[in-house]
Amino acid sequence: MVAVAEAELYLPSSLQDALRVLADGGGAAVPLAGATWAMRAVLRGEELAARYVALSGLDELRTVEVAADGSLAIGACVTHARLGEAVADQPNLRGLHDAATKAANAAVREAATVGGNLSVAAFPAADLVPALLCLDAEVELARPDGNERVSLERFLQLRSELAPGTVLARVHVPAGRLRTAHARLPLRVAGDYPVAIVSVALDVAADGTVARAAVAVGSVEAVARRWPELEAELVGKPVGAEAAAVAAKALSATFHGREGIEAPGWYRVSVLPTLVRRALTALSGQEGNQ
């Protein structure tokens, strides 16, 4: 049993104020947004932090900006539900839309934030991570002395070692003429979290062949990642669900599934061809590059 200590909540007046308090706290203070992860800390056998710095009230982190060229700037405190609404009319972002609107359940989607979904290293089943990996997303890290942009892939390697006073402020998604899809497999005994996720983004040439492919897998291993072997197999060929599933089966050994109470590692890997088929089937229904 974990003793629940009383935690202090600090309400910053600005992002710079939040960064200052987090930096001065030396790790004792941690950022808090939707709180859907922190509220279950005790159930996971973890102690609450001594001090939380609330970010969800900062307007500068709550907006989704869609540029004229289709690129996005997503504030870290944008909820899954808000993100889904913001990209609903963007045909090339159907995969991101589905990742945002099918994650967890409706109540969680109204509270859980983009920044939290990407920042929690102990949550391998995050839907937004593979969807954004496929879109070559970058994250903007805010510090008291300035901001820095790094690839999402790099951020996933750094996120457990960020210095106090460093916060994921925004996610940047470049414009792209893509067909995208997001496929997930939840199990009833696992609640709303998927045991495996496949996100796909394809640039399809005028002749119907794949000019560029991005495939990302989540929840199978401890950290979501791209699937370069399958990407290479898809390039130069017509968009085909069955052929992609056959290729995925042949290449599945590149993954080492994580063990969990809701599913064994071998099962997570075994369903990847099915999820690839589902994603490519959804892509086949999308007309041309958008």
C-alpha atoms as a PDB file:
ATOM      1  CA  MET A   1       0.000   0.000   0.000  1.00  0.00           C
ATOM      2  CA  VAL A   2       1.314   3.441  -0.973  1.00  0.00           C
ATOM      3  CA  ALA A   3       0.809   6.265   1.495  1.00  0.00           C
ATOM      4  CA  VAL A   4      -0.936   9.188  -0.201  1.00  0.00           C
ATOM      5  CA  ALA A   5       0.751  12.424   0.796  1.00  0.00           C
ATOM      6  CA  GLU A   6      -0.895  15.780   0.297  1.00  0.00           C
ATOM      7  CA  ALA A   7       0.423  17.360  -2.902  1.00  0.00           C
ATOM      8  CA  GLU A   8       0.709  21.065  -3.634  1.00  0.00           C
ATOM      9  CA  LEU A   9      -0.796  22.475  -6.842  1.00  0.00           C
ATOM     10  CA  TYR A  10       0.729  25.595  -8.358  1.00  0.00           C
ATOM     11  CA  LEU A  11      -1.224  27.648 -10.915  1.00  0.00           C
ATOM     12  CA  PRO A  12       1.261  29.538 -13.104  1.00  0.00           C
ATOM     13  CA  SER A  13       0.403  32.849 -14.739  1.00  0.00           C
ATOM     14  CA  SER A  14       2.307  32.000 -17.937  1.00  0.00           C
ATOM     15  CA  LEU A  15       4.430  29.300 -19.503  1.00  0.00           C
ATOM     16  CA  GLN A  16       7.585  31.142 -18.436  1.00  0.00           C
ATOM     17  CA  ASP A  17       6.296  31.225 -14.870  1.00  0.00           C
ATOM     18  CA  ALA A  18       5.650  27.480 -15.034  1.00  0.00           C
ATOM     19  CA  LEU A  19       9.125  26.783 -16.413  1.00  0.00           C
ATOM     20  CA  ARG A  20      10.717  28.857 -13.645  1.00  0.00           C
ATOM     21  CA  VAL A  21       8.884  26.990 -10.893  1.00  0.00           C
ATOM     22  CA  LEU A  22       9.667  23.618 -12.459  1.00  0.00           C
ATOM     23  CA  ALA A  23      13.343  24.515 -12.829  1.00  0.00           C
ATOM     24  CA  ASP A  24      13.585  25.829  -9.267  1.00  0.00           C
ATOM     25  CA  GLY A  25      11.920  22.667  -7.990  1.00  0.00           C
ATOM     26  CA  GLY A  26      14.844  20.548  -9.136  1.00  0.00           C
ATOM     27  CA  GLY A  27      12.611  17.617 -10.020  1.00  0.00           C
ATOM     28  CA  ALA A  28      10.344  17.813  -6.963  1.00  0.00           C
ATOM     29  CA  ALA A  29       7.816  19.773  -9.018  1.00  0.00           C
ATOM     30  CA  VAL A  30       6.305  18.125 -12.098  1.00  0.00           C
ATOM     31  CA  PRO A  31       4.017  19.448 -14.852  1.00  0.00           C
ATOM     32  CA  LEU A  32       0.341  18.508 -14.784  1.00  0.00           C
ATOM     33  CA  ALA A  33      -2.160  18.847 -17.630  1.00  0.00           C
ATOM     34  CA  GLY A  34      -5.169  16.536 -17.987  1.00  0.00           C
ATOM     35  CA  ALA A  35      -4.144  14.503 -14.891  1.00  0.00           C
ATOM     36  CA  THR A  36      -5.466  11.252 -16.389  1.00  0.00           C
ATOM     37  CA  TRP A  37      -2.098   9.597 -15.728  1.00  0.00           C
ATOM     38  CA  ALA A  38      -1.276  11.227 -12.392  1.00  0.00           C
ATOM     39  CA  MET A  39      -4.653  10.444 -10.855  1.00  0.00           C
ATOM     40  CA  ARG A  40      -3.933   6.724 -11.169  1.00  0.00           C
ATOM     41  CA  ALA A  41      -0.432   6.893  -9.684  1.00  0.00           C
ATOM     42  CA  VAL A  42      -1.492   5.259  -6.427  1.00  0.00           C
ATOM     43  CA  LEU A  43      -3.146   2.375  -8.297  1.00  0.00           C
ATOM     44  CA  ARG A  44       0.186   1.766 -10.040  1.00  0.00           C
ATOM     45  CA  GLY A  45       1.965   1.721  -6.680  1.00  0.00           C
ATOM     46  CA  GLU A  46       3.573   5.125  -7.212  1.00  0.00           C
ATOM     47  CA  GLU A  47       3.780   8.074  -4.858  1.00  0.00           C
ATOM     48  CA  LEU A  48       2.343  11.418  -5.840  1.00  0.00           C
ATOM     49  CA  ALA A  49       4.762  14.237  -6.546  1.00  0.00           C
ATOM     50  CA  ALA A  50       5.306  16.823  -3.823  1.00  0.00           C
ATOM     51  CA  ARG A  51       4.266  19.644  -6.146  1.00  0.00           C
ATOM     52  CA  TYR A  52       2.354  19.814  -9.403  1.00  0.00           C
ATOM     53  CA  VAL A  53       2.506  22.760 -11.786  1.00  0.00           C
ATOM     54  CA  ALA A  54      -0.785  23.002 -13.668  1.00  0.00           C
ATOM     55  CA  LEU A  55      -0.376  23.781 -17.367  1.00  0.00           C
ATOM     56  CA  SER A  56      -3.916  23.192 -18.638  1.00  0.00           C
ATOM     57  CA  GLY A  57      -5.031  26.753 -17.883  1.00  0.00           C
ATOM     58  CA  LEU A  58      -2.382  28.350 -20.108  1.00  0.00           C
ATOM     59  CA  ASP A  59      -4.089  29.580 -23.283  1.00  0.00           C
ATOM     60  CA  GLU A  60      -0.837  29.477 -25.278  1.00  0.00           C
ATOM     61  CA  LEU A  61      -0.779  25.687 -24.895  1.00  0.00           C
ATOM     62  CA  ARG A  62      -4.432  25.090 -25.728  1.00  0.00           C
ATOM     63  CA  THR A  63      -4.605  25.971 -29.428  1.00  0.00           C
ATOM     64  CA  VAL A  64      -4.365  24.055 -32.689  1.00  0.00           C
ATOM     65  CA  GLU A  65      -3.098  26.209 -35.554  1.00  0.00           C
ATOM     66  CA  VAL A  66      -3.655  24.984 -39.106  1.00  0.00           C
ATOM     67  CA  ALA A  67      -1.516  26.911 -41.601  1.00  0.00           C
ATOM     68  CA  ALA A  68      -2.532  27.625 -45.189  1.00  0.00           C
ATOM     69  CA  ASP A  69      -0.230  24.854 -46.429  1.00  0.00           C
ATOM     70  CA  GLY A  70      -1.851  22.315 -44.084  1.00  0.00           C
ATOM     71  CA  SER A  71       0.920  22.147 -41.499  1.00  0.00           C
ATOM     72  CA  LEU A  72      -0.099  22.025 -37.835  1.00  0.00           C
ATOM     73  CA  ALA A  73       1.079  23.500 -34.551  1.00  0.00           C
ATOM     74  CA  ILE A  74      -0.613  21.636 -31.696  1.00  0.00           C
ATOM     75  CA  GLY A  75      -0.432  22.996 -28.167  1.00  0.00           C
ATOM     76  CA  ALA A  76       0.611  20.482 -25.525  1.00  0.00           C
ATOM     77  CA  CYS A  77      -2.583  21.018 -23.522  1.00  0.00           C
ATOM     78  CA  VAL A  78      -4.907  20.359 -26.459  1.00  0.00           C
ATOM     79  CA  THR A  79      -7.110  17.412 -25.529  1.00  0.00           C
ATOM     80  CA  HIS A  80      -7.633  14.361 -27.700  1.00  0.00           C
ATOM     81  CA  ALA A  81     -11.226  15.458 -28.293  1.00  0.00           C
ATOM     82  CA  ARG A  82     -10.183  18.966 -29.357  1.00  0.00           C
ATOM     83  CA  LEU A  83      -7.477  17.614 -31.671  1.00  0.00           C
ATOM     84  CA  GLY A  84      -9.997  15.315 -33.319  1.00  0.00           C
ATOM     85  CA  GLU A  85     -12.286  18.265 -33.975  1.00  0.00           C
ATOM     86  CA  ALA A  86      -9.447  20.405 -35.326  1.00  0.00           C
ATOM     87  CA  VAL A  87      -8.310  17.901 -37.970  1.00  0.00           C
ATOM     88  CA  ALA A  88     -11.703  16.421 -38.851  1.00  0.00           C
ATOM     89  CA  ASP A  89     -11.801  18.298 -42.174  1.00  0.00           C
ATOM     90  CA  GLN A  90      -8.192  17.493 -43.142  1.00  0.00           C
ATOM     91  CA  PRO A  91      -8.354  14.450 -45.486  1.00  0.00           C
ATOM     92  CA  ASN A  92      -4.606  13.800 -45.258  1.00  0.00           C
ATOM     93  CA  LEU A  93      -4.832  13.526 -41.445  1.00  0.00           C
ATOM     94  CA  ARG A  94      -7.447  10.800 -41.125  1.00  0.00           C
ATOM     95  CA  GLY A  95      -4.987   8.612 -39.282  1.00  0.00           C
ATOM     96  CA  LEU A  96      -4.283  11.319 -36.699  1.00  0.00           C
ATOM     97  CA  HIS A  97      -8.011  12.008 -36.399  1.00  0.00           C
ATOM     98  CA  ASP A  98      -8.727   8.348 -35.668  1.00  0.00           C
ATOM     99  CA  ALA A  99      -5.854   8.145 -33.184  1.00  0.00           C
ATOM    100  CA  ALA A 100      -7.291  11.109 -31.285  1.00  0.00           C
ATOM    101  CA  THR A 101     -10.961  10.126 -31.419  1.00  0.00           C
ATOM    102  CA  LYS A 102     -10.647   6.380 -30.752  1.00  0.00           C
ATOM    103  CA  ALA A 103      -8.113   6.463 -27.922  1.00  0.00           C
ATOM    104  CA  ALA A 104      -9.283   5.322 -24.481  1.00  0.00           C
ATOM    105  CA  ASN A 105     -12.906   6.420 -23.961  1.00  0.00           C
ATOM    106  CA  ALA A 106     -14.942   9.600 -24.384  1.00  0.00           C
ATOM    107  CA  ALA A 107     -14.430  10.833 -20.822  1.00  0.00           C
ATOM    108  CA  VAL A 108     -10.649  10.403 -21.014  1.00  0.00           C
ATOM    109  CA  ARG A 109     -10.483  12.030 -24.461  1.00  0.00           C
ATOM    110  CA  GLU A 110     -12.088  15.173 -23.021  1.00  0.00           C
ATOM    111  CA  ALA A 111      -9.277  15.484 -20.455  1.00  0.00           C
ATOM    112  CA  ALA A 112      -6.156  13.692 -21.713  1.00  0.00           C
ATOM    113  CA  THR A 113      -3.753  16.001 -23.522  1.00  0.00           C
ATOM    114  CA  VAL A 114      -1.429  15.650 -26.484  1.00  0.00           C
ATOM    115  CA  GLY A 115       1.589  16.604 -24.395  1.00  0.00           C
ATOM    116  CA  GLY A 116       0.790  14.079 -21.707  1.00  0.00           C
ATOM    117  CA  ASN A 117       0.197  11.305 -24.223  1.00  0.00           C
ATOM    118  CA  LEU A 118       3.641  11.852 -25.714  1.00  0.00           C
ATOM    119  CA  SER A 119       5.546  12.596 -22.517  1.00  0.00           C
ATOM    120  CA  VAL A 120       4.696   9.621 -20.281  1.00  0.00           C
ATOM    121  CA  ALA A 121       7.443   7.087 -20.934  1.00  0.00           C
ATOM    122  CA  ALA A 122       5.705   4.405 -18.868  1.00  0.00           C
ATOM    123  CA  PHE A 123       2.663   4.337 -21.186  1.00  0.00           C
ATOM    124  CA  PRO A 124       3.549   2.326 -24.314  1.00  0.00           C
ATOM    125  CA  ALA A 125      -0.081   2.131 -25.525  1.00  0.00           C
ATOM    126  CA  ALA A 126      -0.372   5.842 -26.405  1.00  0.00           C
ATOM    127  CA  ASP A 127      -2.313   6.170 -29.667  1.00  0.00           C
ATOM    128  CA  LEU A 128      -0.985   9.569 -30.724  1.00  0.00           C
ATOM    129  CA  VAL A 129       2.672   8.523 -30.723  1.00  0.00           C
ATOM    130  CA  PRO A 130       2.641   6.165 -33.750  1.00  0.00           C
ATOM    131  CA  ALA A 131       0.196   8.411 -35.614  1.00  0.00           C
ATOM    132  CA  LEU A 132       2.534  11.389 -35.227  1.00  0.00           C
ATOM    133  CA  LEU A 133       5.675   9.349 -35.936  1.00  0.00           C
ATOM    134  CA  CYS A 134       4.206   8.579 -39.370  1.00  0.00           C
ATOM    135  CA  LEU A 135       3.751  12.285 -40.025  1.00  0.00           C
ATOM    136  CA  ASP A 136       7.397  13.169 -39.254  1.00  0.00           C
ATOM    137  CA  ALA A 137       6.237  15.322 -36.344  1.00  0.00           C
ATOM    138  CA  GLU A 138       8.591  17.453 -34.287  1.00  0.00           C
ATOM    139  CA  VAL A 139       8.123  18.536 -30.688  1.00  0.00           C
ATOM    140  CA  GLU A 140       8.941  21.992 -29.363  1.00  0.00           C
ATOM    141  CA  LEU A 141      10.661  21.858 -25.981  1.00  0.00           C
ATOM    142  CA  ALA A 142      10.349  24.996 -23.862  1.00  0.00           C
ATOM    143  CA  ARG A 143      13.008  25.921 -21.299  1.00  0.00           C
ATOM    144  CA  PRO A 144      13.601  29.076 -19.246  1.00  0.00           C
ATOM    145  CA  ASP A 145      16.421  30.048 -21.639  1.00  0.00           C
ATOM    146  CA  GLY A 146      14.595  29.353 -24.902  1.00  0.00           C
ATOM    147  CA  ASN A 147      12.868  26.761 -27.063  1.00  0.00           C
ATOM    148  CA  GLU A 148      14.213  23.898 -29.156  1.00  0.00           C
ATOM    149  CA  ARG A 149      12.599  21.653 -31.778  1.00  0.00           C
ATOM    150  CA  VAL A 150      13.545  17.987 -32.054  1.00  0.00           C
ATOM    151  CA  SER A 151      12.042  15.090 -33.956  1.00  0.00           C
ATOM    152  CA  LEU A 152       9.407  13.086 -32.109  1.00  0.00           C
ATOM    153  CA  GLU A 153      11.598  10.020 -32.560  1.00  0.00           C
ATOM    154  CA  ARG A 154      14.436  11.782 -30.745  1.00  0.00           C
ATOM    155  CA  PHE A 155      12.103  13.072 -28.041  1.00  0.00           C
ATOM    156  CA  LEU A 156      10.975   9.533 -27.224  1.00  0.00           C
ATOM    157  CA  GLN A 157      14.599   8.731 -26.415  1.00  0.00           C
ATOM    158  CA  LEU A 158      15.079  11.894 -24.336  1.00  0.00           C
ATOM    159  CA  ARG A 159      11.806  12.265 -22.468  1.00  0.00           C
ATOM    160  CA  SER A 160      12.857  10.362 -19.325  1.00  0.00           C
ATOM    161  CA  GLU A 161      15.999  12.456 -18.952  1.00  0.00           C
ATOM    162  CA  LEU A 162      14.737  15.998 -19.521  1.00  0.00           C
ATOM    163  CA  ALA A 163      16.170  18.548 -17.128  1.00  0.00           C
ATOM    164  CA  PRO A 164      13.755  20.159 -14.620  1.00  0.00           C
ATOM    165  CA  GLY A 165      12.170  23.182 -16.240  1.00  0.00           C
ATOM    166  CA  THR A 166      11.839  21.535 -19.654  1.00  0.00           C
ATOM    167  CA  VAL A 167       8.303  21.119 -20.970  1.00  0.00           C
ATOM    168  CA  LEU A 168       6.878  19.832 -24.237  1.00  0.00           C
ATOM    169  CA  ALA A 169       5.087  22.968 -25.393  1.00  0.00           C
ATOM    170  CA  ARG A 170       3.897  22.139 -28.919  1.00  0.00           C
ATOM    171  CA  VAL A 171       3.868  19.466 -31.581  1.00  0.00           C
ATOM    172  CA  HIS A 172       4.596  20.518 -35.164  1.00  0.00           C
ATOM    173  CA  VAL A 173       3.299  18.463 -38.085  1.00  0.00           C
ATOM    174  CA  PRO A 174       4.615  19.380 -41.556  1.00  0.00           C
ATOM    175  CA  ALA A 175       2.333  19.659 -44.549  1.00  0.00           C
ATOM    176  CA  GLY A 176       2.077  16.547 -46.682  1.00  0.00           C
ATOM    177  CA  ARG A 177       0.127  15.062 -49.577  1.00  0.00           C
ATOM    178  CA  LEU A 178      -0.640  11.803 -47.865  1.00  0.00           C
ATOM    179  CA  ARG A 179      -3.082   9.019 -47.323  1.00  0.00           C
ATOM    180  CA  THR A 180      -3.068   8.074 -43.639  1.00  0.00           C
ATOM    181  CA  ALA A 181      -4.724   5.446 -41.441  1.00  0.00           C
ATOM    182  CA  HIS A 182      -4.614   4.250 -37.843  1.00  0.00           C
ATOM    183  CA  ALA A 183      -5.509   0.698 -36.774  1.00  0.00           C
ATOM    184  CA  ARG A 184      -5.633  -0.517 -33.169  1.00  0.00           C
ATOM    185  CA  LEU A 185      -6.593  -3.739 -31.408  1.00  0.00           C
ATOM    186  CA  PRO A 186      -8.042  -3.355 -27.912  1.00  0.00           C
ATOM    187  CA  LEU A 187      -8.990  -6.370 -25.815  1.00  0.00           C
ATOM    188  CA  ARG A 188     -11.938  -6.330 -23.472  1.00  0.00           C
ATOM    189  CA  VAL A 189      -9.799  -7.500 -20.559  1.00  0.00           C
ATOM    190  CA  ALA A 190      -7.360  -4.656 -21.296  1.00  0.00           C
ATOM    191  CA  GLY A 191     -10.015  -1.974 -20.973  1.00  0.00           C
ATOM    192  CA  ASP A 192      -9.659   0.826 -23.490  1.00  0.00           C
ATOM    193  CA  TYR A 193      -5.941   0.437 -24.189  1.00  0.00           C
ATOM    194  CA  PRO A 194      -4.794  -1.325 -27.371  1.00  0.00           C
ATOM    195  CA  VAL A 195      -2.422  -4.286 -27.233  1.00  0.00           C
ATOM    196  CA  ALA A 196      -1.078  -3.280 -30.662  1.00  0.00           C
ATOM    197  CA  ILE A 197      -1.280  -0.236 -32.943  1.00  0.00           C
ATOM    198  CA  VAL A 198      -0.285   0.315 -36.570  1.00  0.00           C
ATOM    199  CA  SER A 199      -0.270   3.783 -38.142  1.00  0.00           C
ATOM    200  CA  VAL A 200       0.458   4.283 -41.828  1.00  0.00           C
ATOM    201  CA  ALA A 201       1.119   7.310 -44.047  1.00  0.00           C
ATOM    202  CA  LEU A 202       1.662   6.881 -47.781  1.00  0.00           C
ATOM    203  CA  ASP A 203       2.564   9.304 -50.529  1.00  0.00           C
ATOM    204  CA  VAL A 204       0.918   7.737 -53.579  1.00  0.00           C
ATOM    205  CA  ALA A 205       2.076   8.677 -57.074  1.00  0.00           C
ATOM    206  CA  ALA A 206      -0.254   9.392 -59.974  1.00  0.00           C
ATOM    207  CA  ASP A 207       0.204   5.842 -61.290  1.00  0.00           C
ATOM    208  CA  GLY A 208      -1.067   4.373 -58.003  1.00  0.00           C
ATOM    209  CA  THR A 209       2.291   3.174 -56.707  1.00  0.00           C
ATOM    210  CA  VAL A 210       3.709   4.179 -53.337  1.00  0.00           C
ATOM    211  CA  ALA A 211       6.350   6.907 -53.638  1.00  0.00           C
ATOM    212  CA  ARG A 212       7.064   7.095 -49.909  1.00  0.00           C
ATOM    213  CA  ALA A 213       5.842   5.039 -46.967  1.00  0.00           C
ATOM    214  CA  ALA A 214       5.825   5.597 -43.218  1.00  0.00           C
ATOM    215  CA  VAL A 215       4.669   2.825 -40.887  1.00  0.00           C
ATOM    216  CA  ALA A 216       4.797   3.090 -37.095  1.00  0.00           C
ATOM    217  CA  VAL A 217       3.943   0.478 -34.476  1.00  0.00           C
ATOM    218  CA  GLY A 218       2.805   1.238 -30.951  1.00  0.00           C
ATOM    219  CA  SER A 219       2.035  -0.786 -27.804  1.00  0.00           C
ATOM    220  CA  VAL A 220       3.929  -3.841 -29.079  1.00  0.00           C
ATOM    221  CA  GLU A 221       7.273  -2.815 -27.581  1.00  0.00           C
ATOM    222  CA  ALA A 222       8.029  -0.490 -24.678  1.00  0.00           C
ATOM    223  CA  VAL A 223       8.432   2.468 -27.052  1.00  0.00           C
ATOM    224  CA  ALA A 224       6.601   3.076 -30.322  1.00  0.00           C
ATOM    225  CA  ARG A 225       8.803   3.134 -33.411  1.00  0.00           C
ATOM    226  CA  ARG A 226       8.829   3.177 -37.182  1.00  0.00           C
ATOM    227  CA  TRP A 227       8.962  -0.059 -39.192  1.00  0.00           C
ATOM    228  CA  PRO A 228      11.605   0.716 -41.854  1.00  0.00           C
ATOM    229  CA  GLU A 229      11.733  -2.827 -43.261  1.00  0.00           C
ATOM    230  CA  LEU A 230       8.017  -2.758 -44.116  1.00  0.00           C
ATOM    231  CA  GLU A 231       8.257   0.807 -45.403  1.00  0.00           C
ATOM    232  CA  ALA A 232      10.904  -0.276 -47.901  1.00  0.00           C
ATOM    233  CA  GLU A 233       8.751  -3.217 -48.978  1.00  0.00           C
ATOM    234  CA  LEU A 234       5.760  -0.969 -49.737  1.00  0.00           C
ATOM    235  CA  VAL A 235       7.603   1.618 -51.854  1.00  0.00           C
ATOM    236  CA  GLY A 236       7.268   1.219 -55.623  1.00  0.00           C
ATOM    237  CA  LYS A 237       4.247  -1.071 -55.390  1.00  0.00           C
ATOM    238  CA  PRO A 238       0.507  -0.407 -55.725  1.00  0.00           C
ATOM    239  CA  VAL A 239      -1.441   0.179 -52.519  1.00  0.00           C
ATOM    240  CA  GLY A 240      -2.558  -3.352 -51.616  1.00  0.00           C
ATOM    241  CA  ALA A 241      -3.841  -4.556 -48.254  1.00  0.00           C
ATOM    242  CA  GLU A 242      -3.226  -8.270 -48.797  1.00  0.00           C
ATOM    243  CA  ALA A 243       0.278  -7.864 -50.169  1.00  0.00           C
ATOM    244  CA  ALA A 244       1.158  -5.528 -47.307  1.00  0.00           C
ATOM    245  CA  ALA A 245      -0.168  -8.032 -44.750  1.00  0.00           C
ATOM    246  CA  VAL A 246       1.924 -10.824 -46.290  1.00  0.00           C
ATOM    247  CA  ALA A 247       5.007  -8.602 -46.142  1.00  0.00           C
ATOM    248  CA  ALA A 248       4.222  -7.647 -42.547  1.00  0.00           C
ATOM    249  CA  LYS A 249       3.997 -11.297 -41.531  1.00  0.00           C
ATOM    250  CA  ALA A 250       7.378 -12.032 -43.090  1.00  0.00           C
ATOM    251  CA  LEU A 251       8.941  -9.032 -41.327  1.00  0.00           C
ATOM    252  CA  SER A 252       7.258  -9.326 -37.916  1.00  0.00           C
ATOM    253  CA  ALA A 253      10.307 -10.972 -36.376  1.00  0.00           C
ATOM    254  CA  THR A 254      11.928  -7.536 -36.224  1.00  0.00           C
ATOM    255  CA  PHE A 255       9.694  -6.818 -33.195  1.00  0.00           C
ATOM    256  CA  HIS A 256      10.092  -8.211 -29.683  1.00  0.00           C
ATOM    257  CA  GLY A 257       6.716  -7.961 -28.005  1.00  0.00           C
ATOM    258  CA  ARG A 258       6.501  -6.729 -24.434  1.00  0.00           C
ATOM    259  CA  GLU A 259       4.914  -8.961 -21.827  1.00  0.00           C
ATOM    260  CA  GLY A 260       1.841  -7.702 -19.999  1.00  0.00           C
ATOM    261  CA  ILE A 261      -1.047  -8.950 -17.917  1.00  0.00           C
ATOM    262  CA  GLU A 262      -3.433  -8.091 -20.745  1.00  0.00           C
ATOM    263  CA  ALA A 263      -1.471  -9.814 -23.537  1.00  0.00           C
ATOM    264  CA  PRO A 264       1.758 -11.780 -23.980  1.00  0.00           C
ATOM    265  CA  GLY A 265       4.497 -10.436 -26.209  1.00  0.00           C
ATOM    266  CA  TRP A 266       4.087 -13.071 -28.920  1.00  0.00           C
ATOM    267  CA  TYR A 267       0.414 -12.152 -29.344  1.00  0.00           C
ATOM    268  CA  ARG A 268       1.156  -8.454 -29.819  1.00  0.00           C
ATOM    269  CA  VAL A 269       3.550  -9.315 -32.645  1.00  0.00           C
ATOM    270  CA  SER A 270       1.220 -11.901 -34.189  1.00  0.00           C
ATOM    271  CA  VAL A 271      -1.602  -9.388 -34.783  1.00  0.00           C
ATOM    272  CA  LEU A 272       0.564  -6.900 -36.674  1.00  0.00           C
ATOM    273  CA  PRO A 273      -0.214  -8.319 -40.152  1.00  0.00           C
ATOM    274  CA  THR A 274      -3.941  -8.034 -39.411  1.00  0.00           C
ATOM    275  CA  LEU A 275      -3.575  -4.411 -38.333  1.00  0.00           C
ATOM    276  CA  VAL A 276      -1.463  -3.639 -41.406  1.00  0.00           C
ATOM    277  CA  ARG A 277      -4.214  -5.135 -43.570  1.00  0.00           C
ATOM    278  CA  ARG A 278      -6.854  -3.009 -41.831  1.00  0.00           C
ATOM    279  CA  ALA A 279      -4.808   0.161 -42.230  1.00  0.00           C
ATOM    280  CA  LEU A 280      -4.083  -0.452 -45.918  1.00  0.00           C
ATOM    281  CA  THR A 281      -7.715  -1.307 -46.549  1.00  0.00           C
ATOM    282  CA  ALA A 282      -8.687   2.065 -45.089  1.00  0.00           C
ATOM    283  CA  LEU A 283      -6.055   3.752 -47.254  1.00  0.00           C
ATOM    284  CA  SER A 284      -7.360   2.050 -50.387  1.00  0.00           C
ATOM    285  CA  GLY A 285     -10.662   3.819 -49.880  1.00  0.00           C
ATOM    286  CA  GLN A 286      -9.027   7.240 -49.954  1.00  0.00           C
ATOM    287  CA  GLU A 287      -8.959   8.854 -53.380  1.00  0.00           C
ATOM    288  CA  GLY A 288      -5.561  10.121 -54.486  1.00  0.00           C
ATOM    289  CA  ASN A 289      -3.212  12.399 -52.591  1.00  0.00           C
ATOM    290  CA  GLN A 290      -4.988  15.132 -50.698  1.00  0.00           C
END
